[in-house]
């Protein structure tokens, strides 16, 4: 029994030949293209001149030969004996697209592309030409990872007064407690490193604003600057108007650059301490917050050289250990005559020394951080840039983050907030800001066709378009947001400080 269908007598089996015409170029066509290049025309004319001149000997020593009127070159350092076709200037980009952009070339790097092309073709300065082409390839910039140091040297803030500049962030969500708490609202004084931890039921703008007002501003005084990330709670109209009414400069850190927020370090410290203290019962985390807060505020800070409690109260807090071993009780003994000490003057000298310690520590950390970074490019207004993306997989749309671009563009620089922070906008709407980005997320858009458009357009980050208003009166304990006076937009733009 045959494993194939039997051929009937009426059917005839014939062998058919498929002919594929591969386009090839004749020697005459190659010569015509070479003669269009004036430099190559001089070399060809030198070879075809009956009276061989000194130039003929020079070109021969360099490996140039003329075969059927076409100029070739033998590389003196090549291990193969095949000749290289000398490419005219107007044909070079076509060669590069064939050996770099084509699917069979798969956008290899400069060295791989040079190795592929140099085995068949030659022109003067081809290595640099290929390297520049690959460096500015739009698809390579979009999808390939970079091995270069990120741009942007560390910017160290100037030490301010106590509770003059504070940083805020949200930690969570955590397992819901019996009181319904699921979030931790962290507030840190940037100068003394004093920390407050507030459990919240909901991470809403209203909850954060009222906690700041009632538990921080009305206890430690109004700060001049409020640092936060671009979370929806902090860019909301409620938080914006609270800062406007109280004349607080709200500083939003660059998008996807959390290290610009000083409180992020406290987030890292809080997580392991909270995990160790709750054990297996994760719903009791809110009961451990007072003890953790006390430990953070009574621990010596490496930056200041003192505890946060000492910098705020001019003395160390009395700990549980002082209950059994209280050394200060000796001073209150009737047999001890204390020596008068100008305590306030000594504290003032200590504050000056602490500022010096902060500056020295900042210089040391800046020197360490700048080793792994390079100076920022000299961006100017209206410059075009690529923007680093942070894609997420979308299973319902059959989209994988691994197959999405790493960078996209072009976008235009709208303004500069600091030496390392720039506000960008879309080329279609150059007056509408899309957000503030750190310079490490931006790449100069050079030598690429201007008619390109982003593959994954960025969505706008910042303030909502429709904003409610707040009362001019400073709310009390049970304050509620009301619709009375709209804030001025120009004042809000002025109040944003520099990172």
Protein backbone atom coordinates (compact mmCIF):
# COMPACT_ATOMS: atom_id res chain seq x y z
CA UNK A 1 0.00 0.00 0.00
CA UNK A 2 1.40 3.34 -1.06
CA UNK A 3 1.86 6.14 1.45
CA UNK A 4 0.89 8.68 -1.22
CA UNK A 5 -2.21 9.06 -3.38
CA UNK A 6 -2.07 6.99 -6.54
CA UNK A 7 -1.80 8.88 -9.81
CA UNK A 8 -4.61 8.13 -12.18
CA UNK A 9 -3.89 7.39 -15.79
CA UNK A 10 -5.52 10.64 -16.86
CA UNK A 11 -3.10 12.76 -14.77
CA UNK A 12 0.42 13.48 -15.91
CA UNK A 13 3.25 14.14 -13.45
CA UNK A 14 5.60 16.80 -14.69
CA UNK A 15 8.64 18.51 -13.21
CA UNK A 16 8.25 22.28 -13.09
CA UNK A 17 11.10 24.73 -12.81
CA UNK A 18 10.75 27.99 -10.88
CA UNK A 19 13.03 30.75 -12.09
CA UNK A 20 13.78 33.63 -9.68
CA UNK A 21 15.34 36.69 -11.24
CA UNK A 22 17.74 38.25 -8.71
CA UNK A 23 18.59 41.82 -9.70
CA UNK A 24 22.27 42.17 -10.47
CA UNK A 25 24.32 45.08 -11.73
CA UNK A 26 26.61 44.89 -14.68
CA UNK A 27 30.12 46.27 -14.76
CA UNK A 28 28.93 49.12 -16.93
CA UNK A 29 26.29 50.14 -14.37
CA UNK A 30 28.81 50.01 -11.53
CA UNK A 31 31.25 52.13 -13.52
CA UNK A 32 28.54 54.69 -14.31
CA UNK A 33 27.72 55.11 -10.61
CA UNK A 34 31.40 55.43 -9.67
CA UNK A 35 31.99 58.13 -12.29
CA UNK A 36 29.27 60.24 -10.65
CA UNK A 37 31.58 60.62 -7.64
CA UNK A 38 34.22 63.23 -8.49
CA UNK A 39 36.83 61.71 -6.17
CA UNK A 40 36.44 58.24 -7.66
CA UNK A 41 36.41 59.71 -11.17
CA UNK A 42 39.88 61.16 -10.56
CA UNK A 43 41.20 57.75 -9.52
CA UNK A 44 39.62 55.99 -12.50
CA UNK A 45 41.00 58.61 -14.91
CA UNK A 46 44.44 58.15 -13.35
CA UNK A 47 44.30 54.39 -14.00
CA UNK A 48 43.08 54.85 -17.59
CA UNK A 49 45.69 57.48 -18.42
CA UNK A 50 48.29 56.12 -20.83
CA UNK A 51 51.04 58.18 -19.26
CA UNK A 52 51.16 56.69 -15.78
CA UNK A 53 51.87 59.45 -13.29
CA UNK A 54 53.07 59.44 -9.71
CA UNK A 55 49.45 59.35 -8.55
CA UNK A 56 49.00 55.98 -10.24
CA UNK A 57 51.75 54.48 -8.09
CA UNK A 58 50.21 55.99 -4.96
CA UNK A 59 46.77 54.52 -5.69
CA UNK A 60 48.31 51.16 -6.53
CA UNK A 61 50.19 51.08 -3.22
CA UNK A 62 46.92 51.69 -1.43
CA UNK A 63 45.45 48.57 -3.02
CA UNK A 64 43.29 50.14 -5.74
CA UNK A 65 42.85 48.19 -8.99
CA UNK A 66 40.73 48.72 -12.09
CA UNK A 67 38.93 45.70 -13.51
CA UNK A 68 36.60 46.03 -16.51
CA UNK A 69 36.45 49.76 -15.87
CA UNK A 70 35.25 49.26 -12.26
CA UNK A 71 37.35 50.42 -9.32
CA UNK A 72 38.14 47.85 -6.62
CA UNK A 73 40.45 47.71 -3.65
CA UNK A 74 42.45 44.91 -2.05
CA UNK A 75 42.86 45.40 1.68
CA UNK A 76 46.51 44.87 2.67
CA UNK A 77 45.43 43.72 6.15
CA UNK A 78 42.63 41.39 5.07
CA UNK A 79 42.98 37.62 5.49
CA UNK A 80 40.87 36.95 2.38
CA UNK A 81 41.94 37.67 -1.17
CA UNK A 82 38.58 38.97 -2.35
CA UNK A 83 38.46 42.53 -3.62
CA UNK A 84 36.29 45.27 -2.13
CA UNK A 85 34.05 47.30 -4.39
CA UNK A 86 34.74 51.02 -3.93
CA UNK A 87 31.38 52.66 -3.17
CA UNK A 88 30.57 56.19 -4.41
CA UNK A 89 29.29 58.71 -1.87
CA UNK A 90 25.66 58.65 -3.04
CA UNK A 91 25.46 54.84 -2.73
CA UNK A 92 26.73 54.54 0.85
CA UNK A 93 23.43 55.03 2.64
CA UNK A 94 21.84 52.38 0.44
CA UNK A 95 24.59 49.93 1.42
CA UNK A 96 24.06 50.74 5.10
CA UNK A 97 20.30 50.19 4.91
CA UNK A 98 20.90 46.83 3.27
CA UNK A 99 23.47 45.68 5.85
CA UNK A 100 22.00 47.28 8.99
CA UNK A 101 18.28 48.05 8.61
CA UNK A 102 17.28 44.96 6.62
CA UNK A 103 15.71 42.00 8.50
CA UNK A 104 18.67 39.80 7.56
CA UNK A 105 21.00 42.33 9.21
CA UNK A 106 18.79 42.88 12.29
CA UNK A 107 20.25 46.22 13.37
CA UNK A 108 23.59 44.94 14.64
CA UNK A 109 25.98 47.37 16.31
CA UNK A 110 28.72 49.45 14.74
CA UNK A 111 31.36 46.70 14.89
CA UNK A 112 29.08 44.00 13.52
CA UNK A 113 27.84 46.24 10.72
CA UNK A 114 31.37 47.33 9.83
CA UNK A 115 32.54 43.71 9.69
CA UNK A 116 29.64 42.80 7.41
CA UNK A 117 30.16 45.73 5.02
CA UNK A 118 33.97 45.84 4.96
CA UNK A 119 34.15 42.28 3.62
CA UNK A 120 32.54 43.46 0.35
CA UNK A 121 32.76 47.25 0.11
CA UNK A 122 35.13 50.10 0.82
CA UNK A 123 35.16 53.87 1.00
CA UNK A 124 37.35 56.35 2.80
CA UNK A 125 36.35 56.88 6.45
CA UNK A 126 33.82 54.06 6.37
CA UNK A 127 34.28 53.05 10.03
CA UNK A 128 33.31 56.49 11.35
CA UNK A 129 30.53 56.76 8.77
CA UNK A 130 29.06 53.43 9.88
CA UNK A 131 29.44 54.26 13.58
CA UNK A 132 27.60 57.58 13.14
CA UNK A 133 24.83 55.89 11.16
CA UNK A 134 24.29 53.19 13.80
CA UNK A 135 24.50 55.72 16.64
CA UNK A 136 21.66 57.78 15.14
CA UNK A 137 19.52 54.87 13.95
CA UNK A 138 16.00 55.60 15.20
CA UNK A 139 15.05 51.95 15.73
CA UNK A 140 18.27 51.19 17.62
CA UNK A 141 17.67 54.16 19.93
CA UNK A 142 14.07 53.09 20.55
CA UNK A 143 14.62 49.43 21.34
CA UNK A 144 18.24 48.84 22.36
CA UNK A 145 19.64 49.16 25.87
CA UNK A 146 22.44 51.66 26.44
CA UNK A 147 25.72 50.91 28.20
CA UNK A 148 26.58 54.57 28.73
CA UNK A 149 26.60 56.29 32.11
CA UNK A 150 23.36 58.13 32.85
CA UNK A 151 23.53 61.89 32.49
CA UNK A 152 23.05 64.34 35.31
CA UNK A 153 25.52 65.00 38.12
CA UNK A 154 24.16 64.94 41.67
CA UNK A 155 22.56 68.19 42.80
CA UNK A 156 22.93 68.77 46.55
CA UNK A 157 20.38 71.05 48.28
CA UNK A 158 21.44 73.90 50.54
CA UNK A 159 20.66 73.19 54.24
CA UNK A 160 17.58 75.15 55.36
CA UNK A 161 16.01 75.95 58.72
CA UNK A 162 14.15 73.32 60.68
CA UNK A 163 10.81 72.37 59.10
CA UNK A 164 11.38 74.89 56.34
CA UNK A 165 11.46 72.13 53.72
CA UNK A 166 9.58 68.84 54.20
CA UNK A 167 9.16 65.77 52.01
CA UNK A 168 6.11 63.50 51.88
CA UNK A 169 5.28 60.09 50.43
CA UNK A 170 2.81 57.21 50.77
CA UNK A 171 3.76 53.67 51.85
CA UNK A 172 1.37 50.87 50.97
CA UNK A 173 -1.16 49.48 50.49
CA UNK A 174 -0.77 47.19 53.51
CA UNK A 175 -3.13 44.56 54.96
CA UNK A 176 -6.19 46.29 56.39
CA UNK A 177 -6.15 46.64 60.17
CA UNK A 178 -9.12 46.32 62.51
CA UNK A 179 -9.48 50.13 62.34
CA UNK A 180 -9.55 50.03 58.54
CA UNK A 181 -6.05 51.47 58.04
CA UNK A 182 -4.24 50.48 54.83
CA UNK A 183 -1.65 53.21 54.14
CA UNK A 184 1.21 54.99 55.90
CA UNK A 185 1.67 58.69 55.20
CA UNK A 186 5.34 59.57 55.76
CA UNK A 187 6.45 63.14 56.47
CA UNK A 188 10.13 64.06 56.92
CA UNK A 189 11.87 67.32 57.73
CA UNK A 190 14.69 67.60 55.17
CA UNK A 191 17.03 69.44 57.58
CA UNK A 192 16.75 67.60 60.89
CA UNK A 193 15.48 64.28 59.40
CA UNK A 194 12.55 64.24 61.86
CA UNK A 195 9.96 61.67 60.76
CA UNK A 196 6.21 61.42 61.29
CA UNK A 197 4.25 58.25 60.39
CA UNK A 198 0.47 58.57 60.03
CA UNK A 199 -1.79 55.57 59.29
CA UNK A 200 -4.51 56.35 56.74
CA UNK A 201 -7.66 54.52 55.72
CA UNK A 202 -7.55 55.83 52.16
CA UNK A 203 -4.71 57.32 50.14
CA UNK A 204 -6.74 60.25 48.87
CA UNK A 205 -5.73 63.85 48.33
CA UNK A 206 -8.19 65.02 51.00
CA UNK A 207 -6.80 62.62 53.63
CA UNK A 208 -3.23 63.68 52.90
CA UNK A 209 -4.06 67.40 52.88
CA UNK A 210 -5.97 67.30 56.18
CA UNK A 211 -3.24 65.21 57.83
CA UNK A 212 -0.60 67.69 56.72
CA UNK A 213 -2.63 70.63 57.94
CA UNK A 214 -3.80 69.31 61.31
CA UNK A 215 -0.88 67.08 62.31
CA UNK A 216 2.14 68.82 60.77
CA UNK A 217 1.51 72.45 59.82
CA UNK A 218 -0.43 73.32 62.99
CA UNK A 219 2.17 71.54 65.14
CA UNK A 220 5.56 72.46 63.65
CA UNK A 221 4.59 75.54 61.66
CA UNK A 222 4.14 76.17 57.95
CA UNK A 223 7.04 75.09 55.72
CA UNK A 224 8.27 77.07 52.78
CA UNK A 225 8.69 74.06 50.50
CA UNK A 226 6.83 70.76 50.10
CA UNK A 227 8.57 67.98 48.13
CA UNK A 228 6.59 65.06 46.71
CA UNK A 229 6.41 62.74 43.74
CA UNK A 230 3.86 62.95 40.93
CA UNK A 231 1.27 60.74 42.60
CA UNK A 232 -2.36 61.59 41.93
CA UNK A 233 -2.81 62.58 45.59
CA UNK A 234 -0.05 65.19 45.40
CA UNK A 235 -0.77 66.67 41.97
CA UNK A 236 -4.47 67.03 42.74
CA UNK A 237 -6.28 70.35 42.92
CA UNK A 238 -6.81 69.99 46.68
CA UNK A 239 -3.11 69.68 47.47
CA UNK A 240 -2.26 72.41 44.98
CA UNK A 241 -4.70 74.86 46.49
CA UNK A 242 -3.67 74.03 50.05
CA UNK A 243 -0.10 75.00 49.17
CA UNK A 244 -1.30 78.14 47.40
CA UNK A 245 -3.43 79.39 50.30
CA UNK A 246 -0.64 78.76 52.83
CA UNK A 247 2.05 80.19 50.50
CA UNK A 248 4.03 76.94 50.29
CA UNK A 249 6.22 76.20 47.28
CA UNK A 250 5.23 72.77 46.01
CA UNK A 251 8.13 70.94 44.33
CA UNK A 252 7.26 67.89 42.25
CA UNK A 253 10.22 65.62 41.57
CA UNK A 254 10.94 64.52 37.97
CA UNK A 255 8.79 61.76 36.53
CA UNK A 256 10.13 58.24 37.24
CA UNK A 257 13.00 59.66 39.32
CA UNK A 258 12.16 58.77 42.95
CA UNK A 259 15.71 59.35 44.22
CA UNK A 260 15.04 63.09 44.06
CA UNK A 261 12.65 62.72 47.01
CA UNK A 262 14.59 62.62 50.34
CA UNK A 263 11.85 60.64 52.09
CA UNK A 264 12.49 57.62 49.84
CA UNK A 265 15.37 56.68 52.13
CA UNK A 266 12.94 56.50 55.05
CA UNK A 267 10.74 54.20 52.97
CA UNK A 268 13.66 51.81 52.62
CA UNK A 269 14.35 51.93 56.37
CA UNK A 270 10.70 51.51 57.31
CA UNK A 271 10.02 48.36 55.32
CA UNK A 272 12.43 45.92 57.07
CA UNK A 273 11.74 47.36 60.53
CA UNK A 274 8.01 47.02 60.07
CA UNK A 275 8.39 43.48 58.71
CA UNK A 276 10.52 42.36 61.66
CA UNK A 277 8.17 43.79 64.28
CA UNK A 278 4.85 42.51 62.91
CA UNK A 279 6.06 38.93 62.45
CA UNK A 280 3.34 36.71 61.01
CA UNK A 281 0.44 38.93 62.04
CA UNK A 282 0.51 41.51 59.24
CA UNK A 283 -2.69 43.24 60.29
CA UNK A 284 -1.09 44.74 63.42
CA UNK A 285 1.40 46.95 61.60
CA UNK A 286 -0.26 50.18 62.78
CA UNK A 287 0.49 49.27 66.42
CA UNK A 288 4.22 49.28 65.67
CA UNK A 289 4.38 52.72 64.07
CA UNK A 290 4.89 54.76 67.29
CA UNK A 291 7.86 52.61 68.35
CA UNK A 292 9.44 52.74 64.89
CA UNK A 293 8.96 56.49 64.71
CA UNK A 294 10.59 56.90 68.14
CA UNK A 295 13.54 54.76 67.03
CA UNK A 296 14.04 56.77 63.84
CA UNK A 297 13.93 60.11 65.62
CA UNK A 298 16.33 59.05 68.40
CA UNK A 299 18.90 57.38 66.12
CA UNK A 300 22.04 59.26 65.17
CA UNK A 301 21.94 60.40 61.55
CA UNK A 302 25.10 59.98 59.50
CA UNK A 303 24.44 63.17 57.55
CA UNK A 304 23.95 65.52 60.50
CA UNK A 305 25.97 63.64 63.10
CA UNK A 306 23.11 64.10 65.63
CA UNK A 307 19.69 62.68 66.32
CA UNK A 308 16.61 64.32 64.89
CA UNK A 309 15.29 64.81 68.43
CA UNK A 310 18.35 66.79 69.50
CA UNK A 311 18.14 69.08 66.48
CA UNK A 312 14.50 69.85 67.21
CA UNK A 313 14.41 70.03 71.03
CA UNK A 314 18.07 70.88 71.81
CA UNK A 315 18.25 67.77 73.97
CA UNK A 316 18.07 64.01 73.63
CA UNK A 317 14.77 62.32 74.37
CA UNK A 318 14.54 60.25 77.53
CA UNK A 319 14.40 56.62 76.42
CA UNK A 320 13.19 53.47 78.15
CA UNK A 321 16.76 52.69 79.12
CA UNK A 322 16.86 55.88 81.20
CA UNK A 323 14.23 54.41 83.51
CA UNK A 324 16.78 51.96 84.95
CA UNK A 325 19.95 53.95 84.29
CA UNK A 326 19.19 57.65 84.49
CA UNK A 327 22.49 59.52 84.43
CA UNK A 328 20.84 62.93 84.50
CA UNK A 329 19.37 62.20 87.93
CA UNK A 330 22.84 62.86 89.34
CA UNK A 331 22.43 66.55 88.51
CA UNK A 332 19.33 66.79 90.68
CA UNK A 333 21.14 65.30 93.69
CA UNK A 334 21.49 67.69 96.65
CA UNK A 335 25.16 66.77 97.05
CA UNK A 336 25.97 67.77 93.44
CA UNK A 337 26.67 71.40 92.60
CA UNK A 338 26.27 71.80 88.83
CA UNK A 339 28.62 74.05 86.94
CA UNK A 340 26.87 76.83 85.03
CA UNK A 341 27.12 76.16 81.29
CA UNK A 342 25.99 78.52 78.54
CA UNK A 343 23.77 75.82 77.07
CA UNK A 344 22.11 77.88 74.39
CA UNK A 345 25.42 79.22 73.07
CA UNK A 346 26.80 75.71 72.92
CA UNK A 347 23.73 74.55 71.02
CA UNK A 348 24.15 77.42 68.57
CA UNK A 349 27.75 76.38 67.96
CA UNK A 350 26.58 72.83 67.47
CA UNK A 351 24.09 73.93 64.84
CA UNK A 352 26.87 75.64 62.89
CA UNK A 353 28.98 72.50 63.13
CA UNK A 354 26.04 70.39 62.02
CA UNK A 355 25.63 72.48 58.86
CA UNK A 356 29.32 71.94 58.11
CA UNK A 357 28.87 68.21 58.66
CA UNK A 358 25.93 68.20 56.25
CA UNK A 359 27.93 70.02 53.58
CA UNK A 360 30.93 67.70 53.99
CA UNK A 361 28.69 64.66 53.80
CA UNK A 362 26.98 66.04 50.71
CA UNK A 363 30.35 66.63 49.02
CA UNK A 364 31.43 63.07 49.81
CA UNK A 365 28.22 61.57 48.46
CA UNK A 366 28.31 63.78 45.39
CA UNK A 367 31.86 62.67 44.58
CA UNK A 368 30.79 59.03 44.93
CA UNK A 369 27.58 59.44 42.91
CA UNK A 370 29.24 61.39 40.10
CA UNK A 371 31.65 58.51 39.43
CA UNK A 372 28.80 56.59 37.81
CA UNK A 373 27.34 59.58 35.96
CA UNK A 374 28.32 61.97 33.22
CA UNK A 375 27.61 65.70 32.81
CA UNK A 376 24.27 66.69 31.37
CA UNK A 377 24.00 67.45 27.65
CA UNK A 378 23.72 71.11 26.82
CA UNK A 379 19.99 71.08 26.18
CA UNK A 380 18.32 74.30 25.08
CA UNK A 381 14.73 75.35 24.66
CA UNK A 382 12.98 73.87 21.61
CA UNK A 383 15.58 71.08 21.32
CA UNK A 384 14.25 67.68 20.24
CA UNK A 385 14.85 64.72 22.54
CA UNK A 386 14.13 61.04 22.98
CA UNK A 387 12.36 60.17 26.26
CA UNK A 388 12.93 56.99 28.24
CA UNK A 389 9.80 54.87 28.58
CA UNK A 390 8.60 52.55 31.34
CA UNK A 391 6.19 50.24 29.47
CA UNK A 392 3.90 47.72 31.14
CA UNK A 393 2.59 44.50 29.67
CA UNK A 394 -1.09 44.47 28.68
CA UNK A 395 -2.42 40.95 28.32
CA UNK A 396 -5.86 42.08 27.15
CA UNK A 397 -4.21 43.90 24.23
CA UNK A 398 -1.58 41.20 23.57
CA UNK A 399 1.18 43.67 24.41
CA UNK A 400 4.42 42.62 26.10
CA UNK A 401 6.74 45.09 27.82
CA UNK A 402 9.75 43.17 26.49
CA UNK A 403 8.72 43.95 22.92
CA UNK A 404 7.90 47.62 23.46
CA UNK A 405 10.37 50.47 22.84
CA UNK A 406 12.71 51.65 25.59
CA UNK A 407 12.74 55.22 24.27
CA UNK A 408 10.42 57.20 22.08
CA UNK A 409 10.26 60.57 20.40
CA UNK A 410 10.72 63.15 19.28
CA UNK A 411 9.58 65.51 22.03
CA UNK A 412 10.48 69.16 22.43
CA UNK A 413 11.98 70.84 25.51
CA UNK A 414 9.51 73.42 26.76
CA UNK A 415 11.36 74.83 29.80
CA UNK A 416 14.11 74.09 32.31
CA UNK A 417 13.32 73.80 36.03
CA UNK A 418 16.83 73.03 37.29
CA UNK A 419 20.24 72.05 35.89
CA UNK A 420 19.00 68.45 35.62
CA UNK A 421 15.21 68.78 35.19
CA UNK A 422 13.42 69.71 31.96
CA UNK A 423 9.75 70.08 31.05
CA UNK A 424 8.91 68.45 27.72
CA UNK A 425 5.99 68.73 25.33
CA UNK A 426 4.73 67.00 22.23
CA UNK A 427 5.84 68.37 18.87
CA UNK A 428 2.18 68.57 17.82
CA UNK A 429 1.24 70.61 20.92
CA UNK A 430 4.44 72.42 21.99
CA UNK A 431 2.59 74.64 24.49
CA UNK A 432 1.07 71.79 26.53
CA UNK A 433 3.58 70.37 29.07
CA UNK A 434 3.69 66.60 29.46
CA UNK A 435 5.70 66.64 32.69
CA UNK A 436 9.12 67.33 34.19
CA UNK A 437 11.78 64.72 33.37
CA UNK A 438 15.26 64.17 34.73
CA UNK A 439 18.07 64.58 32.24
CA UNK A 440 18.97 60.89 32.60
CA UNK A 441 15.67 60.05 30.86
CA UNK A 442 16.41 62.32 27.87
CA UNK A 443 18.61 61.63 24.83
CA UNK A 444 19.45 64.23 22.17
CA UNK A 445 17.46 63.75 18.97
CA UNK A 446 20.18 64.26 16.35
CA UNK A 447 20.59 63.52 12.66
CA UNK A 448 17.27 61.72 12.46
CA UNK A 449 14.47 62.52 10.05
CA UNK A 450 12.21 65.17 11.56
CA UNK A 451 8.97 63.66 10.23
CA UNK A 452 8.97 60.86 12.80
CA UNK A 453 6.33 60.57 15.49
CA UNK A 454 6.28 58.70 18.83
CA UNK A 455 5.30 55.04 18.72
CA UNK A 456 3.88 55.14 22.26
CA UNK A 457 2.82 58.77 22.92
CA UNK A 458 3.31 59.98 26.48
CA UNK A 459 0.23 60.97 28.43
CA UNK A 460 0.17 64.25 30.26
CA UNK A 461 1.36 64.23 33.87
CA UNK A 462 0.53 67.09 36.20
CA UNK A 463 -2.44 69.13 37.27
CA UNK A 464 -6.02 68.21 36.33
CA UNK A 465 -7.68 70.65 33.92
CA UNK A 466 -10.81 71.26 36.04
CA UNK A 467 -9.92 72.36 39.56
CA UNK A 468 -12.19 73.17 42.48
CA UNK A 469 -11.27 76.10 44.67
CA UNK A 470 -10.71 76.59 48.38
CA UNK A 471 -11.54 79.17 50.97
CA UNK A 472 -9.04 81.89 51.86
CA UNK A 473 -9.51 81.10 55.54
CA UNK A 474 -7.04 78.73 57.16
CA UNK A 475 -9.12 75.68 58.16
CA UNK A 476 -9.25 74.44 61.70
CA UNK A 477 -9.32 70.97 63.17
CA UNK A 478 -12.41 69.80 61.32
CA UNK A 479 -11.77 71.73 58.14
CA UNK A 480 -13.48 70.92 54.88
CA UNK A 481 -12.64 72.02 51.36
CA UNK A 482 -15.12 74.59 50.04
CA UNK A 483 -15.69 76.29 46.70
CA UNK A 484 -15.11 80.00 47.24
CA UNK A 485 -11.98 81.51 45.75
CA UNK A 486 -10.17 80.12 42.70
CA UNK A 487 -6.37 80.19 42.93
CA UNK A 488 -4.26 82.19 40.50
CA UNK A 489 -2.45 80.04 37.97
CA UNK A 490 0.55 82.38 37.72
CA UNK A 491 1.13 82.17 41.47
CA UNK A 492 1.12 78.39 41.31
CA UNK A 493 3.75 78.33 38.64
CA UNK A 494 5.98 80.66 40.61
CA UNK A 495 5.71 78.63 43.78
CA UNK A 496 7.25 75.46 42.39
CA UNK A 497 10.80 75.24 43.65
CA UNK A 498 13.84 73.72 42.05
CA UNK A 499 14.97 70.17 42.65
